[in-house]
Amino acid sequence: RAETGQFLLQVDRQTKASYATYEAAQEA
């Protein structure tokens, strides 16, 4: 997948989404 943000959300070691800020990724 095209990664647009610096911070990647991983669930069971699989990347699900990317976010521009750490706070947004942490909240998700």
mmCIF file of all heavy atoms, coordinates in Angstrom:
data_MODEL
# 
_entry.id   MODEL 
# 
loop_
_atom_site.group_PDB 
_atom_site.id 
_atom_site.type_symbol 
_atom_site.label_atom_id 
_atom_site.label_alt_id 
_atom_site.label_comp_id 
_atom_site.label_asym_id 
_atom_site.label_entity_id 
_atom_site.label_seq_id 
_atom_site.pdbx_PDB_ins_code 
_atom_site.Cartn_x 
_atom_site.Cartn_y 
_atom_site.Cartn_z 
_atom_site.occupancy 
_atom_site.B_iso_or_equiv 
_atom_site.pdbx_formal_charge 
_atom_site.auth_seq_id 
_atom_site.auth_comp_id 
_atom_site.auth_asym_id 
_atom_site.auth_atom_id 
_atom_site.pdbx_PDB_model_num 
ATOM 1   N N   . ARG A 1 1  ? 0.832  -1.187  0.000  1.00 0.00 ? 1  ARG A N   1 
ATOM 2   C CA  . ARG A 1 1  ? 0.000  0.000   0.000  1.00 0.00 ? 1  ARG A CA  1 
ATOM 3   C C   . ARG A 1 1  ? 0.873  1.246   0.000  1.00 0.00 ? 1  ARG A C   1 
ATOM 4   O O   . ARG A 1 1  ? 1.966  1.255   0.535  1.00 0.00 ? 1  ARG A O   1 
ATOM 5   C CB  . ARG A 1 1  ? -0.885 0.030   1.229  1.00 0.00 ? 1  ARG A CB  1 
ATOM 6   C CG  . ARG A 1 1  ? -1.905 -1.059  1.244  1.00 0.00 ? 1  ARG A CG  1 
ATOM 7   C CD  . ARG A 1 1  ? -2.767 -0.923  2.459  1.00 0.00 ? 1  ARG A CD  1 
ATOM 8   N NE  . ARG A 1 1  ? -3.691 -2.037  2.536  1.00 0.00 ? 1  ARG A NE  1 
ATOM 9   C CZ  . ARG A 1 1  ? -4.535 -2.230  3.505  1.00 0.00 ? 1  ARG A CZ  1 
ATOM 10  N NH1 . ARG A 1 1  ? -4.565 -1.388  4.515  1.00 0.00 ? 1  ARG A NH1 1 
ATOM 11  N NH2 . ARG A 1 1  ? -5.336 -3.248  3.512  1.00 0.00 ? 1  ARG A NH2 1 
ATOM 12  N N   . ALA A 1 2  ? 0.346  2.282   -0.573 1.00 0.00 ? 2  ALA A N   1 
ATOM 13  C CA  . ALA A 1 2  ? 1.056  3.553   -0.555 1.00 0.00 ? 2  ALA A CA  1 
ATOM 14  C C   . ALA A 1 2  ? 1.006  4.115   0.859  1.00 0.00 ? 2  ALA A C   1 
ATOM 15  O O   . ALA A 1 2  ? -0.065 4.255   1.449  1.00 0.00 ? 2  ALA A O   1 
ATOM 16  C CB  . ALA A 1 2  ? 0.434  4.519   -1.532 1.00 0.00 ? 2  ALA A CB  1 
ATOM 17  N N   . GLU A 1 3  ? 2.151  4.405   1.411  1.00 0.00 ? 3  GLU A N   1 
ATOM 18  C CA  . GLU A 1 3  ? 2.230  4.949   2.760  1.00 0.00 ? 3  GLU A CA  1 
ATOM 19  C C   . GLU A 1 3  ? 2.350  6.461   2.647  1.00 0.00 ? 3  GLU A C   1 
ATOM 20  O O   . GLU A 1 3  ? 3.278  6.973   2.043  1.00 0.00 ? 3  GLU A O   1 
ATOM 21  C CB  . GLU A 1 3  ? 3.422  4.361   3.500  1.00 0.00 ? 3  GLU A CB  1 
ATOM 22  C CG  . GLU A 1 3  ? 3.313  2.852   3.675  1.00 0.00 ? 3  GLU A CG  1 
ATOM 23  C CD  . GLU A 1 3  ? 4.568  2.239   4.251  1.00 0.00 ? 3  GLU A CD  1 
ATOM 24  O OE1 . GLU A 1 3  ? 5.547  2.973   4.473  1.00 0.00 ? 3  GLU A OE1 1 
ATOM 25  O OE2 . GLU A 1 3  ? 4.552  1.033   4.472  1.00 0.00 ? 3  GLU A OE2 1 
ATOM 26  N N   . THR A 1 4  ? 1.398  7.161   3.242  1.00 0.00 ? 4  THR A N   1 
ATOM 27  C CA  . THR A 1 4  ? 1.405  8.613   3.122  1.00 0.00 ? 4  THR A CA  1 
ATOM 28  C C   . THR A 1 4  ? 1.905  9.299   4.380  1.00 0.00 ? 4  THR A C   1 
ATOM 29  O O   . THR A 1 4  ? 2.381  10.415  4.311  1.00 0.00 ? 4  THR A O   1 
ATOM 30  C CB  . THR A 1 4  ? -0.014 9.132   2.812  1.00 0.00 ? 4  THR A CB  1 
ATOM 31  O OG1 . THR A 1 4  ? -0.898 8.686   3.837  1.00 0.00 ? 4  THR A OG1 1 
ATOM 32  C CG2 . THR A 1 4  ? -0.504 8.628   1.470  1.00 0.00 ? 4  THR A CG2 1 
ATOM 33  N N   . GLY A 1 5  ? 1.794  8.658   5.530  1.00 0.00 ? 5  GLY A N   1 
ATOM 34  C CA  . GLY A 1 5  ? 2.191  9.290   6.775  1.00 0.00 ? 5  GLY A CA  1 
ATOM 35  C C   . GLY A 1 5  ? 3.426  8.651   7.380  1.00 0.00 ? 5  GLY A C   1 
ATOM 36  O O   . GLY A 1 5  ? 3.832  7.555   7.012  1.00 0.00 ? 5  GLY A O   1 
ATOM 37  N N   . GLN A 1 6  ? 4.014  9.330   8.318  1.00 0.00 ? 6  GLN A N   1 
ATOM 38  C CA  . GLN A 1 6  ? 5.222  8.852   8.989  1.00 0.00 ? 6  GLN A CA  1 
ATOM 39  C C   . GLN A 1 6  ? 4.909  7.771   10.013 1.00 0.00 ? 6  GLN A C   1 
ATOM 40  O O   . GLN A 1 6  ? 5.716  6.879   10.232 1.00 0.00 ? 6  GLN A O   1 
ATOM 41  C CB  . GLN A 1 6  ? 5.905  10.039  9.679  1.00 0.00 ? 6  GLN A CB  1 
ATOM 42  C CG  . GLN A 1 6  ? 7.090  9.658   10.523 1.00 0.00 ? 6  GLN A CG  1 
ATOM 43  C CD  . GLN A 1 6  ? 7.712  10.855  11.218 1.00 0.00 ? 6  GLN A CD  1 
ATOM 44  O OE1 . GLN A 1 6  ? 7.391  11.994  10.922 1.00 0.00 ? 6  GLN A OE1 1 
ATOM 45  N NE2 . GLN A 1 6  ? 8.622  10.592  12.140 1.00 0.00 ? 6  GLN A NE2 1 
ATOM 46  N N   . PHE A 1 7  ? 3.725  7.838   10.620 1.00 0.00 ? 7  PHE A N   1 
ATOM 47  C CA  . PHE A 1 7  ? 3.385  6.924   11.713 1.00 0.00 ? 7  PHE A CA  1 
ATOM 48  C C   . PHE A 1 7  ? 2.409  5.860   11.212 1.00 0.00 ? 7  PHE A C   1 
ATOM 49  O O   . PHE A 1 7  ? 1.340  6.181   10.708 1.00 0.00 ? 7  PHE A O   1 
ATOM 50  C CB  . PHE A 1 7  ? 2.799  7.711   12.884 1.00 0.00 ? 7  PHE A CB  1 
ATOM 51  C CG  . PHE A 1 7  ? 3.758  8.730   13.419 1.00 0.00 ? 7  PHE A CG  1 
ATOM 52  C CD1 . PHE A 1 7  ? 3.683  10.047  13.020 1.00 0.00 ? 7  PHE A CD1 1 
ATOM 53  C CD2 . PHE A 1 7  ? 4.759  8.352   14.295 1.00 0.00 ? 7  PHE A CD2 1 
ATOM 54  C CE1 . PHE A 1 7  ? 4.581  10.981  13.494 1.00 0.00 ? 7  PHE A CE1 1 
ATOM 55  C CE2 . PHE A 1 7  ? 5.663  9.281   14.778 1.00 0.00 ? 7  PHE A CE2 1 
ATOM 56  C CZ  . PHE A 1 7  ? 5.574  10.596  14.372 1.00 0.00 ? 7  PHE A CZ  1 
ATOM 57  N N   . LEU A 1 8  ? 2.801  4.600   11.348 1.00 0.00 ? 8  LEU A N   1 
ATOM 58  C CA  . LEU A 1 8  ? 2.009  3.493   10.845 1.00 0.00 ? 8  LEU A CA  1 
ATOM 59  C C   . LEU A 1 8  ? 1.306  2.783   11.994 1.00 0.00 ? 8  LEU A C   1 
ATOM 60  O O   . LEU A 1 8  ? 1.918  2.490   13.019 1.00 0.00 ? 8  LEU A O   1 
ATOM 61  C CB  . LEU A 1 8  ? 2.901  2.500   10.102 1.00 0.00 ? 8  LEU A CB  1 
ATOM 62  C CG  . LEU A 1 8  ? 3.766  3.083   8.988  1.00 0.00 ? 8  LEU A CG  1 
ATOM 63  C CD1 . LEU A 1 8  ? 4.645  2.008   8.388  1.00 0.00 ? 8  LEU A CD1 1 
ATOM 64  C CD2 . LEU A 1 8  ? 2.897  3.720   7.930  1.00 0.00 ? 8  LEU A CD2 1 
ATOM 65  N N   . LEU A 1 9  ? 0.029  2.501   11.826 1.00 0.00 ? 9  LEU A N   1 
ATOM 66  C CA  . LEU A 1 9  ? -0.757 1.755   12.796 1.00 0.00 ? 9  LEU A CA  1 
ATOM 67  C C   . LEU A 1 9  ? -0.664 0.281   12.426 1.00 0.00 ? 9  LEU A C   1 
ATOM 68  O O   . LEU A 1 9  ? -0.992 -0.106  11.312 1.00 0.00 ? 9  LEU A O   1 
ATOM 69  C CB  . LEU A 1 9  ? -2.212 2.219   12.767 1.00 0.00 ? 9  LEU A CB  1 
ATOM 70  C CG  . LEU A 1 9  ? -3.185 1.431   13.633 1.00 0.00 ? 9  LEU A CG  1 
ATOM 71  C CD1 . LEU A 1 9  ? -2.819 1.567   15.112 1.00 0.00 ? 9  LEU A CD1 1 
ATOM 72  C CD2 . LEU A 1 9  ? -4.598 1.879   13.384 1.00 0.00 ? 9  LEU A CD2 1 
ATOM 73  N N   . GLN A 1 10 ? -0.175 -0.538  13.372 1.00 0.00 ? 10 GLN A N   1 
ATOM 74  C CA  . GLN A 1 10 ? -0.021 -1.965  13.127 1.00 0.00 ? 10 GLN A CA  1 
ATOM 75  C C   . GLN A 1 10 ? -0.886 -2.754  14.104 1.00 0.00 ? 10 GLN A C   1 
ATOM 76  O O   . GLN A 1 10 ? -0.884 -2.478  15.290 1.00 0.00 ? 10 GLN A O   1 
ATOM 77  C CB  . GLN A 1 10 ? 1.439  -2.386  13.275 1.00 0.00 ? 10 GLN A CB  1 
ATOM 78  C CG  . GLN A 1 10 ? 2.342  -1.748  12.246 1.00 0.00 ? 10 GLN A CG  1 
ATOM 79  C CD  . GLN A 1 10 ? 3.776  -2.170  12.408 1.00 0.00 ? 10 GLN A CD  1 
ATOM 80  O OE1 . GLN A 1 10 ? 4.201  -2.551  13.491 1.00 0.00 ? 10 GLN A OE1 1 
ATOM 81  N NE2 . GLN A 1 10 ? 4.534  -2.104  11.333 1.00 0.00 ? 10 GLN A NE2 1 
ATOM 82  N N   . VAL A 1 11 ? -1.610 -3.740  13.556 1.00 0.00 ? 11 VAL A N   1 
ATOM 83  C CA  . VAL A 1 11 ? -2.425 -4.639  14.357 1.00 0.00 ? 11 VAL A CA  1 
ATOM 84  C C   . VAL A 1 11 ? -1.925 -6.050  14.082 1.00 0.00 ? 11 VAL A C   1 
ATOM 85  O O   . VAL A 1 11 ? -1.946 -6.495  12.934 1.00 0.00 ? 11 VAL A O   1 
ATOM 86  C CB  . VAL A 1 11 ? -3.922 -4.514  14.007 1.00 0.00 ? 11 VAL A CB  1 
ATOM 87  C CG1 . VAL A 1 11 ? -4.744 -5.484  14.820 1.00 0.00 ? 11 VAL A CG1 1 
ATOM 88  C CG2 . VAL A 1 11 ? -4.400 -3.081  14.223 1.00 0.00 ? 11 VAL A CG2 1 
ATOM 89  N N   . ASP A 1 12 ? -1.458 -6.722  15.133 1.00 0.00 ? 12 ASP A N   1 
ATOM 90  C CA  . ASP A 1 12 ? -0.848 -8.050  15.001 1.00 0.00 ? 12 ASP A CA  1 
ATOM 91  C C   . ASP A 1 12 ? 0.226  -8.055  13.911 1.00 0.00 ? 12 ASP A C   1 
ATOM 92  O O   . ASP A 1 12 ? 0.264  -8.910  13.037 1.00 0.00 ? 12 ASP A O   1 
ATOM 93  C CB  . ASP A 1 12 ? -1.914 -9.113  14.726 1.00 0.00 ? 12 ASP A CB  1 
ATOM 94  C CG  . ASP A 1 12 ? -2.719 -9.440  15.966 1.00 0.00 ? 12 ASP A CG  1 
ATOM 95  O OD1 . ASP A 1 12 ? -2.232 -9.157  17.076 1.00 0.00 ? 12 ASP A OD1 1 
ATOM 96  O OD2 . ASP A 1 12 ? -3.822 -9.983  15.835 1.00 0.00 ? 12 ASP A OD2 1 
ATOM 97  N N   . ARG A 1 13 ? 1.072  -7.061  13.941 1.00 0.00 ? 13 ARG A N   1 
ATOM 98  C CA  . ARG A 1 13 ? 2.220  -6.887  13.051 1.00 0.00 ? 13 ARG A CA  1 
ATOM 99  C C   . ARG A 1 13 ? 1.840  -6.691  11.583 1.00 0.00 ? 13 ARG A C   1 
ATOM 100 O O   . ARG A 1 13 ? 2.657  -6.877  10.697 1.00 0.00 ? 13 ARG A O   1 
ATOM 101 C CB  . ARG A 1 13 ? 3.217  -8.037  13.185 1.00 0.00 ? 13 ARG A CB  1 
ATOM 102 C CG  . ARG A 1 13 ? 3.867  -8.033  14.552 1.00 0.00 ? 13 ARG A CG  1 
ATOM 103 C CD  . ARG A 1 13 ? 4.948  -9.042  14.619 1.00 0.00 ? 13 ARG A CD  1 
ATOM 104 N NE  . ARG A 1 13 ? 4.352  -10.375 14.748 1.00 0.00 ? 13 ARG A NE  1 
ATOM 105 C CZ  . ARG A 1 13 ? 5.015  -11.497 14.612 1.00 0.00 ? 13 ARG A CZ  1 
ATOM 106 N NH1 . ARG A 1 13 ? 6.270  -11.477 14.335 1.00 0.00 ? 13 ARG A NH1 1 
ATOM 107 N NH2 . ARG A 1 13 ? 4.408  -12.648 14.760 1.00 0.00 ? 13 ARG A NH2 1 
ATOM 108 N N   . GLN A 1 14 ? 0.619  -6.294  11.323 1.00 0.00 ? 14 GLN A N   1 
ATOM 109 C CA  . GLN A 1 14 ? 0.192  -5.967  9.963  1.00 0.00 ? 14 GLN A CA  1 
ATOM 110 C C   . GLN A 1 14 ? -0.182 -4.496  9.910  1.00 0.00 ? 14 GLN A C   1 
ATOM 111 O O   . GLN A 1 14 ? -0.970 -4.014  10.720 1.00 0.00 ? 14 GLN A O   1 
ATOM 112 C CB  . GLN A 1 14 ? -1.017 -6.807  9.557  1.00 0.00 ? 14 GLN A CB  1 
ATOM 113 C CG  . GLN A 1 14 ? -0.709 -8.276  9.428  1.00 0.00 ? 14 GLN A CG  1 
ATOM 114 C CD  . GLN A 1 14 ? -1.914 -9.052  8.967  1.00 0.00 ? 14 GLN A CD  1 
ATOM 115 O OE1 . GLN A 1 14 ? -2.909 -8.492  8.507  1.00 0.00 ? 14 GLN A OE1 1 
ATOM 116 N NE2 . GLN A 1 14 ? -1.850 -10.365 9.093  1.00 0.00 ? 14 GLN A NE2 1 
ATOM 117 N N   . THR A 1 15 ? 0.380  -3.770  8.949  1.00 0.00 ? 15 THR A N   1 
ATOM 118 C CA  . THR A 1 15 ? 0.114  -2.346  8.826  1.00 0.00 ? 15 THR A CA  1 
ATOM 119 C C   . THR A 1 15 ? -1.300 -2.136  8.303  1.00 0.00 ? 15 THR A C   1 
ATOM 120 O O   . THR A 1 15 ? -1.676 -2.701  7.287  1.00 0.00 ? 15 THR A O   1 
ATOM 121 C CB  . THR A 1 15 ? 1.127  -1.690  7.873  1.00 0.00 ? 15 THR A CB  1 
ATOM 122 O OG1 . THR A 1 15 ? 2.441  -1.919  8.393  1.00 0.00 ? 15 THR A OG1 1 
ATOM 123 C CG2 . THR A 1 15 ? 0.895  -0.202  7.752  1.00 0.00 ? 15 THR A CG2 1 
ATOM 124 N N   . LYS A 1 16 ? -2.065 -1.340  9.034  1.00 0.00 ? 16 LYS A N   1 
ATOM 125 C CA  . LYS A 1 16 ? -3.456 -1.095  8.665  1.00 0.00 ? 16 LYS A CA  1 
ATOM 126 C C   . LYS A 1 16 ? -3.690 0.318   8.145  1.00 0.00 ? 16 LYS A C   1 
ATOM 127 O O   . LYS A 1 16 ? -4.558 0.526   7.321  1.00 0.00 ? 16 LYS A O   1 
ATOM 128 C CB  . LYS A 1 16 ? -4.381 -1.340  9.860  1.00 0.00 ? 16 LYS A CB  1 
ATOM 129 C CG  . LYS A 1 16 ? -4.342 -2.754  10.381 1.00 0.00 ? 16 LYS A CG  1 
ATOM 130 C CD  . LYS A 1 16 ? -4.807 -3.739  9.330  1.00 0.00 ? 16 LYS A CD  1 
ATOM 131 C CE  . LYS A 1 16 ? -4.789 -5.149  9.853  1.00 0.00 ? 16 LYS A CE  1 
ATOM 132 N NZ  . LYS A 1 16 ? -5.161 -6.128  8.841  1.00 0.00 ? 16 LYS A NZ  1 
ATOM 133 N N   . ALA A 1 17 ? -2.955 1.307   8.644  1.00 0.00 ? 17 ALA A N   1 
ATOM 134 C CA  . ALA A 1 17 ? -3.161 2.689   8.228  1.00 0.00 ? 17 ALA A CA  1 
ATOM 135 C C   . ALA A 1 17 ? -1.911 3.493   8.523  1.00 0.00 ? 17 ALA A C   1 
ATOM 136 O O   . ALA A 1 17 ? -1.022 3.044   9.248  1.00 0.00 ? 17 ALA A O   1 
ATOM 137 C CB  . ALA A 1 17 ? -4.364 3.295   8.951  1.00 0.00 ? 17 ALA A CB  1 
ATOM 138 N N   . SER A 1 18 ? -1.838 4.682   7.947  1.00 0.00 ? 18 SER A N   1 
ATOM 139 C CA  . SER A 1 18 ? -0.719 5.576   8.239  1.00 0.00 ? 18 SER A CA  1 
ATOM 140 C C   . SER A 1 18 ? -1.275 6.957   8.586  1.00 0.00 ? 18 SER A C   1 
ATOM 141 O O   . SER A 1 18 ? -2.341 7.353   8.098  1.00 0.00 ? 18 SER A O   1 
ATOM 142 C CB  . SER A 1 18 ? 0.232  5.661   7.050  1.00 0.00 ? 18 SER A CB  1 
ATOM 143 O OG  . SER A 1 18 ? -0.426 6.238   5.944  1.00 0.00 ? 18 SER A OG  1 
ATOM 144 N N   . TYR A 1 19 ? -0.542 7.652   9.444  1.00 0.00 ? 19 TYR A N   1 
ATOM 145 C CA  . TYR A 1 19 ? -0.981 8.952   9.946  1.00 0.00 ? 19 TYR A CA  1 
ATOM 146 C C   . TYR A 1 19 ? 0.186  9.926   9.889  1.00 0.00 ? 19 TYR A C   1 
ATOM 147 O O   . TYR A 1 19 ? 1.348  9.535   10.013 1.00 0.00 ? 19 TYR A O   1 
ATOM 148 C CB  . TYR A 1 19 ? -1.487 8.847   11.390 1.00 0.00 ? 19 TYR A CB  1 
ATOM 149 C CG  . TYR A 1 19 ? -2.707 7.956   11.510 1.00 0.00 ? 19 TYR A CG  1 
ATOM 150 C CD1 . TYR A 1 19 ? -2.577 6.589   11.742 1.00 0.00 ? 19 TYR A CD1 1 
ATOM 151 C CD2 . TYR A 1 19 ? -3.983 8.477   11.378 1.00 0.00 ? 19 TYR A CD2 1 
ATOM 152 C CE1 . TYR A 1 19 ? -3.683 5.770   11.839 1.00 0.00 ? 19 TYR A CE1 1 
ATOM 153 C CE2 . TYR A 1 19 ? -5.104 7.671   11.474 1.00 0.00 ? 19 TYR A CE2 1 
ATOM 154 C CZ  . TYR A 1 19 ? -4.943 6.318   11.706 1.00 0.00 ? 19 TYR A CZ  1 
ATOM 155 O OH  . TYR A 1 19 ? -6.044 5.497   11.791 1.00 0.00 ? 19 TYR A OH  1 
ATOM 156 N N   . ALA A 1 20 ? -0.147 11.197  9.744  1.00 0.00 ? 20 ALA A N   1 
ATOM 157 C CA  . ALA A 1 20 ? 0.881  12.231  9.682  1.00 0.00 ? 20 ALA A CA  1 
ATOM 158 C C   . ALA A 1 20 ? 1.426  12.572  11.061 1.00 0.00 ? 20 ALA A C   1 
ATOM 159 O O   . ALA A 1 20 ? 2.590  12.947  11.192 1.00 0.00 ? 20 ALA A O   1 
ATOM 160 C CB  . ALA A 1 20 ? 0.328  13.485  9.013  1.00 0.00 ? 20 ALA A CB  1 
ATOM 161 N N   . THR A 1 21 ? 0.600  12.426  12.118 1.00 0.00 ? 21 THR A N   1 
ATOM 162 C CA  . THR A 1 21 ? 1.042  12.768  13.467 1.00 0.00 ? 21 THR A CA  1 
ATOM 163 C C   . THR A 1 21 ? 0.976  11.546  14.376 1.00 0.00 ? 21 THR A C   1 
ATOM 164 O O   . THR A 1 21 ? 0.160  10.644  14.168 1.00 0.00 ? 21 THR A O   1 
ATOM 165 C CB  . THR A 1 21 ? 0.167  13.880  14.081 1.00 0.00 ? 21 THR A CB  1 
ATOM 166 O OG1 . THR A 1 21 ? -1.159 13.397  14.239 1.00 0.00 ? 21 THR A OG1 1 
ATOM 167 C CG2 . THR A 1 21 ? 0.178  15.129  13.216 1.00 0.00 ? 21 THR A CG2 1 
ATOM 168 N N   . TYR A 1 22 ? 1.824  11.561  15.392 1.00 0.00 ? 22 TYR A N   1 
ATOM 169 C CA  . TYR A 1 22 ? 1.850  10.464  16.351 1.00 0.00 ? 22 TYR A CA  1 
ATOM 170 C C   . TYR A 1 22 ? 0.553  10.400  17.151 1.00 0.00 ? 22 TYR A C   1 
ATOM 171 O O   . TYR A 1 22 ? 0.034  9.328   17.430 1.00 0.00 ? 22 TYR A O   1 
ATOM 172 C CB  . TYR A 1 22 ? 3.058  10.618  17.292 1.00 0.00 ? 22 TYR A CB  1 
ATOM 173 C CG  . TYR A 1 22 ? 3.082  9.574   18.370 1.00 0.00 ? 22 TYR A CG  1 
ATOM 174 C CD1 . TYR A 1 22 ? 3.520  8.285   18.101 1.00 0.00 ? 22 TYR A CD1 1 
ATOM 175 C CD2 . TYR A 1 22 ? 2.647  9.869   19.670 1.00 0.00 ? 22 TYR A CD2 1 
ATOM 176 C CE1 . TYR A 1 22 ? 3.532  7.311   19.083 1.00 0.00 ? 22 TYR A CE1 1 
ATOM 177 C CE2 . TYR A 1 22 ? 2.656  8.908   20.659 1.00 0.00 ? 22 TYR A CE2 1 
ATOM 178 C CZ  . TYR A 1 22 ? 3.097  7.630   20.363 1.00 0.00 ? 22 TYR A CZ  1 
ATOM 179 O OH  . TYR A 1 22 ? 3.104  6.660   21.327 1.00 0.00 ? 22 TYR A OH  1 
ATOM 180 N N   . GLU A 1 23 ? 0.027  11.572  17.513 1.00 0.00 ? 23 GLU A N   1 
ATOM 181 C CA  . GLU A 1 23 ? -1.178 11.625  18.328 1.00 0.00 ? 23 GLU A CA  1 
ATOM 182 C C   . GLU A 1 23 ? -2.364 10.982  17.609 1.00 0.00 ? 23 GLU A C   1 
ATOM 183 O O   . GLU A 1 23 ? -3.158 10.262  18.224 1.00 0.00 ? 23 GLU A O   1 
ATOM 184 C CB  . GLU A 1 23 ? -1.506 13.070  18.719 1.00 0.00 ? 23 GLU A CB  1 
ATOM 185 C CG  . GLU A 1 23 ? -0.544 13.672  19.724 1.00 0.00 ? 23 GLU A CG  1 
ATOM 186 C CD  . GLU A 1 23 ? 0.780  14.117  19.084 1.00 0.00 ? 23 GLU A CD  1 
ATOM 187 O OE1 . GLU A 1 23 ? 0.828  14.304  17.842 1.00 0.00 ? 23 GLU A OE1 1 
ATOM 188 O OE2 . GLU A 1 23 ? 1.761  14.252  19.835 1.00 0.00 ? 23 GLU A OE2 1 
ATOM 189 N N   . ALA A 1 24 ? -2.495 11.218  16.315 1.00 0.00 ? 24 ALA A N   1 
ATOM 190 C CA  . ALA A 1 24 ? -3.603 10.632  15.549 1.00 0.00 ? 24 ALA A CA  1 
ATOM 191 C C   . ALA A 1 24 ? -3.465 9.115   15.478 1.00 0.00 ? 24 ALA A C   1 
ATOM 192 O O   . ALA A 1 24 ? -4.441 8.378   15.639 1.00 0.00 ? 24 ALA A O   1 
ATOM 193 C CB  . ALA A 1 24 ? -3.640 11.229  14.148 1.00 0.00 ? 24 ALA A CB  1 
ATOM 194 N N   . ALA A 1 25 ? -2.249 8.644   15.265 1.00 0.00 ? 25 ALA A N   1 
ATOM 195 C CA  . ALA A 1 25 ? -2.016 7.195   15.211 1.00 0.00 ? 25 ALA A CA  1 
ATOM 196 C C   . ALA A 1 25 ? -2.252 6.556   16.575 1.00 0.00 ? 25 ALA A C   1 
ATOM 197 O O   . ALA A 1 25 ? -2.828 5.467   16.670 1.00 0.00 ? 25 ALA A O   1 
ATOM 198 C CB  . ALA A 1 25 ? -0.593 6.918   14.735 1.00 0.00 ? 25 ALA A CB  1 
ATOM 199 N N   . GLN A 1 26 ? -1.830 7.223   17.630 1.00 0.00 ? 26 GLN A N   1 
ATOM 200 C CA  . GLN A 1 26 ? -2.004 6.691   18.976 1.00 0.00 ? 26 GLN A CA  1 
ATOM 201 C C   . GLN A 1 26 ? -3.479 6.621   19.358 1.00 0.00 ? 26 GLN A C   1 
ATOM 202 O O   . GLN A 1 26 ? -3.926 5.639   19.947 1.00 0.00 ? 26 GLN A O   1 
ATOM 203 C CB  . GLN A 1 26 ? -1.233 7.555   19.982 1.00 0.00 ? 26 GLN A CB  1 
ATOM 204 C CG  . GLN A 1 26 ? -1.238 6.994   21.385 1.00 0.00 ? 26 GLN A CG  1 
ATOM 205 C CD  . GLN A 1 26 ? -0.481 7.881   22.355 1.00 0.00 ? 26 GLN A CD  1 
ATOM 206 O OE1 . GLN A 1 26 ? -0.466 9.104   22.209 1.00 0.00 ? 26 GLN A OE1 1 
ATOM 207 N NE2 . GLN A 1 26 ? 0.157  7.271   23.333 1.00 0.00 ? 26 GLN A NE2 1 
ATOM 208 N N   . GLU A 1 27 ? -4.248 7.627   18.996 1.00 0.00 ? 27 GLU A N   1 
ATOM 209 C CA  . GLU A 1 27 ? -5.684 7.619   19.302 1.00 0.00 ? 27 GLU A CA  1 
ATOM 210 C C   . GLU A 1 27 ? -6.388 6.488   18.558 1.00 0.00 ? 27 GLU A C   1 
ATOM 211 O O   . GLU A 1 27 ? -7.226 5.794   19.134 1.00 0.00 ? 27 GLU A O   1 
ATOM 212 C CB  . GLU A 1 27 ? -6.311 8.968   18.941 1.00 0.00 ? 27 GLU A CB  1 
ATOM 213 C CG  . GLU A 1 27 ? -7.789 9.051   19.279 1.00 0.00 ? 27 GLU A CG  1 
ATOM 214 C CD  . GLU A 1 27 ? -8.093 8.813   20.752 1.00 0.00 ? 27 GLU A CD  1 
ATOM 215 O OE1 . GLU A 1 27 ? -7.291 9.227   21.606 1.00 0.00 ? 27 GLU A OE1 1 
ATOM 216 O OE2 . GLU A 1 27 ? -9.139 8.198   21.037 1.00 0.00 ? 27 GLU A OE2 1 
ATOM 217 N N   . ALA A 1 28 ? -6.054 6.267   17.303 1.00 0.00 ? 28 ALA A N   1 
ATOM 218 C CA  . ALA A 1 28 ? -6.637 5.160   16.540 1.00 0.00 ? 28 ALA A CA  1 
ATOM 219 C C   . ALA A 1 28 ? -6.240 3.823   17.153 1.00 0.00 ? 28 ALA A C   1 
ATOM 220 O O   . ALA A 1 28 ? -7.044 2.885   17.211 1.00 0.00 ? 28 ALA A O   1 
ATOM 221 C CB  . ALA A 1 28 ? -6.199 5.239   15.085 1.00 0.00 ? 28 ALA A CB  1 
# 
